[in-house]
């Protein structure tokens, strides 16, 4: 099964591409994914790890480990050495509500 997924281009505009959507995630992982999605819609860029830390009230290592986990599970991708380069690899319709 495939779905369309938004990813930021170099100009900051959203581009759509198809990715597999048989991904499962925990409640906490879903909250991080939803926050990244909604933050991006509001601010036009993805949140920094510091902004994730502030929102979820966790330590910097906890946020970084979650980013690594989401990436390892194929739910996001990042560009090495580039700040704010997280791209969601899951369709917006598959995201949970942010609580």
N, C-alpha and C. Protein backbone atom coordinates (compact mmCIF):
# COMPACT_ATOMS: atom_id res chain seq x y z
N UNK A 1 0.84 -1.17 0.00
CA UNK A 1 0.00 0.00 0.00
C UNK A 1 0.89 1.24 0.00
N UNK A 2 0.51 2.27 -0.76
CA UNK A 2 1.27 3.51 -0.82
C UNK A 2 0.35 4.69 -0.60
N UNK A 3 0.90 5.78 -0.07
CA UNK A 3 0.18 7.03 0.11
C UNK A 3 1.04 8.18 -0.32
N UNK A 4 0.42 9.32 -0.57
CA UNK A 4 1.15 10.55 -0.86
C UNK A 4 1.62 11.17 0.44
N UNK A 5 2.85 11.65 0.46
CA UNK A 5 3.44 12.25 1.65
C UNK A 5 4.09 13.57 1.27
N UNK A 6 3.91 14.58 2.13
CA UNK A 6 4.52 15.88 1.90
C UNK A 6 5.95 15.86 2.38
N UNK A 7 6.84 16.46 1.62
CA UNK A 7 8.22 16.67 2.05
C UNK A 7 8.66 18.03 1.55
N UNK A 8 9.47 18.71 2.33
CA UNK A 8 9.91 20.05 1.97
C UNK A 8 10.98 19.99 0.90
N UNK A 9 10.87 20.87 -0.05
CA UNK A 9 11.90 21.00 -1.06
C UNK A 9 12.92 22.03 -0.62
N UNK A 10 13.92 22.28 -1.44
CA UNK A 10 14.96 23.25 -1.09
C UNK A 10 14.39 24.66 -0.93
N UNK A 11 13.32 24.97 -1.64
CA UNK A 11 12.73 26.30 -1.55
C UNK A 11 11.74 26.42 -0.39
N UNK A 12 11.57 25.35 0.37
CA UNK A 12 10.64 25.38 1.49
C UNK A 12 9.23 25.00 1.12
N UNK A 13 8.97 24.80 -0.18
CA UNK A 13 7.62 24.43 -0.59
C UNK A 13 7.43 22.92 -0.43
N UNK A 14 6.20 22.52 -0.23
CA UNK A 14 5.91 21.11 -0.03
C UNK A 14 5.84 20.40 -1.38
N UNK A 15 6.39 19.22 -1.43
CA UNK A 15 6.30 18.36 -2.60
C UNK A 15 5.70 17.05 -2.12
N UNK A 16 4.96 16.39 -2.98
CA UNK A 16 4.31 15.13 -2.59
C UNK A 16 5.01 13.98 -3.27
N UNK A 17 5.13 12.88 -2.55
CA UNK A 17 5.71 11.68 -3.13
C UNK A 17 5.05 10.48 -2.49
N UNK A 18 5.18 9.33 -3.13
CA UNK A 18 4.54 8.11 -2.63
C UNK A 18 5.52 7.32 -1.77
N UNK A 19 5.01 6.84 -0.62
CA UNK A 19 5.79 5.98 0.27
C UNK A 19 4.89 4.88 0.81
N UNK A 20 5.50 3.81 1.24
CA UNK A 20 4.75 2.71 1.84
C UNK A 20 4.17 3.16 3.18
N UNK A 21 3.00 2.64 3.54
CA UNK A 21 2.33 3.10 4.76
C UNK A 21 1.92 1.95 5.68
N UNK A 22 2.73 0.95 5.79
CA UNK A 22 2.41 -0.13 6.70
C UNK A 22 3.19 0.05 8.00
N UNK A 23 3.37 1.29 8.41
CA UNK A 23 4.18 1.61 9.58
C UNK A 23 3.30 1.71 10.82
N UNK A 24 3.77 1.11 11.89
CA UNK A 24 3.08 1.22 13.17
C UNK A 24 3.96 2.06 14.09
N UNK A 25 3.34 2.76 15.00
CA UNK A 25 4.08 3.58 15.96
C UNK A 25 3.35 3.59 17.29
N UNK A 26 4.11 3.89 18.35
CA UNK A 26 3.52 3.96 19.69
C UNK A 26 2.77 5.28 19.85
N UNK A 27 2.03 5.39 20.95
CA UNK A 27 1.31 6.63 21.23
C UNK A 27 2.27 7.82 21.30
N UNK A 28 3.36 7.65 22.02
CA UNK A 28 4.32 8.75 22.17
C UNK A 28 4.97 9.11 20.83
N UNK A 29 5.32 8.11 20.04
CA UNK A 29 5.88 8.38 18.72
C UNK A 29 4.87 9.13 17.85
N UNK A 30 3.61 8.73 17.94
CA UNK A 30 2.56 9.41 17.20
C UNK A 30 2.42 10.86 17.60
N UNK A 31 2.59 11.16 18.89
CA UNK A 31 2.51 12.54 19.36
C UNK A 31 3.65 13.37 18.79
N UNK A 32 4.84 12.81 18.75
CA UNK A 32 5.98 13.52 18.15
C UNK A 32 5.72 13.76 16.66
N UNK A 33 5.24 12.74 15.96
CA UNK A 33 4.95 12.90 14.54
C UNK A 33 3.88 13.97 14.30
N UNK A 34 2.83 13.94 15.11
CA UNK A 34 1.75 14.93 14.96
C UNK A 34 2.27 16.33 15.26
N UNK A 35 3.10 16.47 16.30
CA UNK A 35 3.65 17.79 16.62
C UNK A 35 4.51 18.31 15.48
N UNK A 36 5.35 17.45 14.92
CA UNK A 36 6.19 17.86 13.79
C UNK A 36 5.31 18.32 12.63
N UNK A 37 4.27 17.57 12.35
CA UNK A 37 3.37 17.92 11.25
C UNK A 37 2.67 19.27 11.48
N UNK A 38 2.04 19.43 12.64
CA UNK A 38 1.30 20.66 12.89
C UNK A 38 2.21 21.87 13.07
N UNK A 39 3.37 21.68 13.69
CA UNK A 39 4.33 22.78 13.82
C UNK A 39 4.74 23.25 12.42
N UNK A 40 4.99 22.30 11.53
CA UNK A 40 5.40 22.64 10.16
C UNK A 40 4.32 23.41 9.42
N UNK A 41 3.07 23.01 9.62
CA UNK A 41 1.97 23.72 8.96
C UNK A 41 1.85 25.16 9.46
N UNK A 42 2.05 25.36 10.75
CA UNK A 42 1.90 26.68 11.34
C UNK A 42 3.10 27.58 11.05
N UNK A 43 4.30 27.05 11.20
CA UNK A 43 5.51 27.86 11.14
C UNK A 43 6.26 27.79 9.81
N UNK A 44 5.89 26.87 8.94
CA UNK A 44 6.55 26.78 7.65
C UNK A 44 7.90 26.07 7.68
N UNK A 45 8.28 25.53 8.82
CA UNK A 45 9.50 24.74 8.94
C UNK A 45 9.29 23.74 10.07
N UNK A 46 10.11 22.71 10.09
CA UNK A 46 9.96 21.71 11.15
C UNK A 46 10.55 22.24 12.45
N UNK A 47 10.12 21.70 13.58
CA UNK A 47 10.65 22.18 14.87
C UNK A 47 12.09 21.72 15.08
N UNK A 48 12.81 22.49 15.86
CA UNK A 48 14.16 22.08 16.28
C UNK A 48 14.01 21.08 17.41
N UNK A 49 15.11 20.40 17.72
CA UNK A 49 15.06 19.46 18.85
C UNK A 49 14.78 20.23 20.15
N UNK A 50 15.27 21.46 20.27
CA UNK A 50 15.01 22.28 21.46
C UNK A 50 13.52 22.59 21.58
N UNK A 51 12.85 22.84 20.47
CA UNK A 51 11.41 23.12 20.50
C UNK A 51 10.61 21.86 20.85
N UNK A 52 11.06 20.71 20.37
CA UNK A 52 10.43 19.45 20.77
C UNK A 52 10.62 19.22 22.26
N UNK A 53 11.82 19.50 22.75
CA UNK A 53 12.12 19.34 24.18
C UNK A 53 11.19 20.22 25.02
N UNK A 54 11.02 21.45 24.60
CA UNK A 54 10.18 22.39 25.35
C UNK A 54 8.72 21.93 25.34
N UNK A 55 8.22 21.51 24.19
CA UNK A 55 6.82 21.11 24.10
C UNK A 55 6.53 19.86 24.93
N UNK A 56 7.39 18.85 24.81
CA UNK A 56 7.15 17.58 25.50
C UNK A 56 7.72 17.54 26.91
N UNK A 57 8.42 18.59 27.30
CA UNK A 57 9.01 18.70 28.65
C UNK A 57 9.87 17.49 28.99
N UNK A 58 10.82 17.22 28.10
CA UNK A 58 11.76 16.12 28.28
C UNK A 58 13.18 16.64 28.10
N UNK A 59 14.14 15.80 28.38
CA UNK A 59 15.56 16.19 28.28
C UNK A 59 16.03 16.16 26.82
N UNK A 60 17.11 16.89 26.53
CA UNK A 60 17.66 16.86 25.17
C UNK A 60 17.99 15.44 24.69
N UNK A 61 18.61 14.58 25.54
CA UNK A 61 18.86 13.22 25.05
C UNK A 61 17.59 12.43 24.72
N UNK A 62 16.51 12.70 25.46
CA UNK A 62 15.24 12.01 25.19
C UNK A 62 14.69 12.38 23.83
N UNK A 63 14.74 13.66 23.51
CA UNK A 63 14.26 14.11 22.19
C UNK A 63 15.13 13.51 21.09
N UNK A 64 16.43 13.59 21.27
CA UNK A 64 17.33 13.07 20.23
C UNK A 64 17.10 11.57 20.02
N UNK A 65 16.93 10.83 21.10
CA UNK A 65 16.69 9.39 20.98
C UNK A 65 15.38 9.12 20.25
N UNK A 66 14.35 9.92 20.52
CA UNK A 66 13.07 9.75 19.81
C UNK A 66 13.25 10.02 18.32
N UNK A 67 14.00 11.06 17.96
CA UNK A 67 14.26 11.35 16.54
C UNK A 67 14.97 10.17 15.89
N UNK A 68 15.97 9.62 16.56
CA UNK A 68 16.69 8.46 16.03
C UNK A 68 15.76 7.26 15.88
N UNK A 69 14.87 7.07 16.86
CA UNK A 69 13.92 5.95 16.81
C UNK A 69 12.94 6.12 15.65
N UNK A 70 12.39 7.32 15.49
CA UNK A 70 11.46 7.57 14.39
C UNK A 70 12.14 7.34 13.04
N UNK A 71 13.39 7.77 12.95
CA UNK A 71 14.15 7.57 11.71
C UNK A 71 14.42 6.08 11.48
N UNK A 72 14.80 5.35 12.52
CA UNK A 72 15.08 3.92 12.39
C UNK A 72 13.84 3.12 11.98
N UNK A 73 12.66 3.59 12.41
CA UNK A 73 11.41 2.92 12.05
C UNK A 73 10.86 3.37 10.70
N UNK A 74 11.57 4.25 10.02
CA UNK A 74 11.15 4.70 8.69
C UNK A 74 9.97 5.66 8.71
N UNK A 75 9.76 6.34 9.84
CA UNK A 75 8.64 7.29 9.94
C UNK A 75 9.05 8.70 9.56
N UNK A 76 10.35 9.00 9.67
CA UNK A 76 10.89 10.29 9.26
C UNK A 76 12.22 10.04 8.56
N UNK A 77 12.71 11.06 7.87
CA UNK A 77 14.08 11.03 7.37
C UNK A 77 14.69 12.39 7.62
N UNK A 78 16.01 12.43 7.72
CA UNK A 78 16.74 13.67 7.97
C UNK A 78 17.90 13.76 7.01
N UNK A 79 18.39 14.99 6.81
CA UNK A 79 19.59 15.23 6.03
C UNK A 79 20.74 15.44 7.00
N UNK A 80 21.74 14.57 6.99
CA UNK A 80 22.85 14.72 7.92
C UNK A 80 23.53 16.09 7.80
N UNK A 81 23.80 16.69 8.95
CA UNK A 81 24.50 17.97 8.98
C UNK A 81 23.63 19.18 8.67
N UNK A 82 22.35 18.99 8.43
CA UNK A 82 21.45 20.09 8.10
C UNK A 82 20.41 20.24 9.20
N UNK A 83 20.36 21.43 9.80
CA UNK A 83 19.38 21.69 10.86
C UNK A 83 17.97 21.71 10.29
N UNK A 84 17.01 21.33 11.10
CA UNK A 84 15.58 21.35 10.74
C UNK A 84 15.31 20.64 9.42
N UNK A 85 15.88 19.47 9.27
CA UNK A 85 15.75 18.74 8.01
C UNK A 85 14.83 17.53 8.11
N UNK A 86 14.05 17.43 9.18
CA UNK A 86 13.15 16.28 9.35
C UNK A 86 12.05 16.32 8.28
N UNK A 87 11.81 15.19 7.65
CA UNK A 87 10.71 15.04 6.70
C UNK A 87 9.87 13.85 7.14
N UNK A 88 8.58 14.06 7.27
CA UNK A 88 7.68 12.96 7.63
C UNK A 88 7.52 12.01 6.46
N UNK A 89 7.52 10.73 6.74
CA UNK A 89 7.33 9.71 5.71
C UNK A 89 6.02 8.97 5.93
N UNK A 90 5.08 9.64 6.54
CA UNK A 90 3.77 9.07 6.83
C UNK A 90 2.72 10.08 6.40
N UNK A 91 1.65 9.60 5.84
CA UNK A 91 0.59 10.47 5.34
C UNK A 91 -0.09 11.20 6.50
N UNK A 92 -0.47 12.46 6.31
CA UNK A 92 -1.15 13.21 7.36
C UNK A 92 -2.39 12.50 7.91
N UNK A 93 -3.09 11.77 7.05
CA UNK A 93 -4.30 11.06 7.47
C UNK A 93 -3.99 9.95 8.48
N UNK A 94 -2.77 9.48 8.50
CA UNK A 94 -2.39 8.41 9.42
C UNK A 94 -1.87 8.92 10.75
N UNK A 95 -1.79 10.24 10.92
CA UNK A 95 -1.30 10.81 12.17
C UNK A 95 -2.42 10.87 13.20
N UNK A 96 -2.06 10.68 14.46
CA UNK A 96 -3.08 10.82 15.51
C UNK A 96 -3.35 12.28 15.82
N UNK A 97 -4.39 12.54 16.58
CA UNK A 97 -4.64 13.90 17.06
C UNK A 97 -3.56 14.25 18.07
N UNK A 98 -3.14 15.50 18.07
CA UNK A 98 -2.17 15.98 19.04
C UNK A 98 -2.90 16.33 20.32
N UNK A 99 -2.52 15.68 21.42
CA UNK A 99 -3.19 15.93 22.70
C UNK A 99 -2.24 16.57 23.70
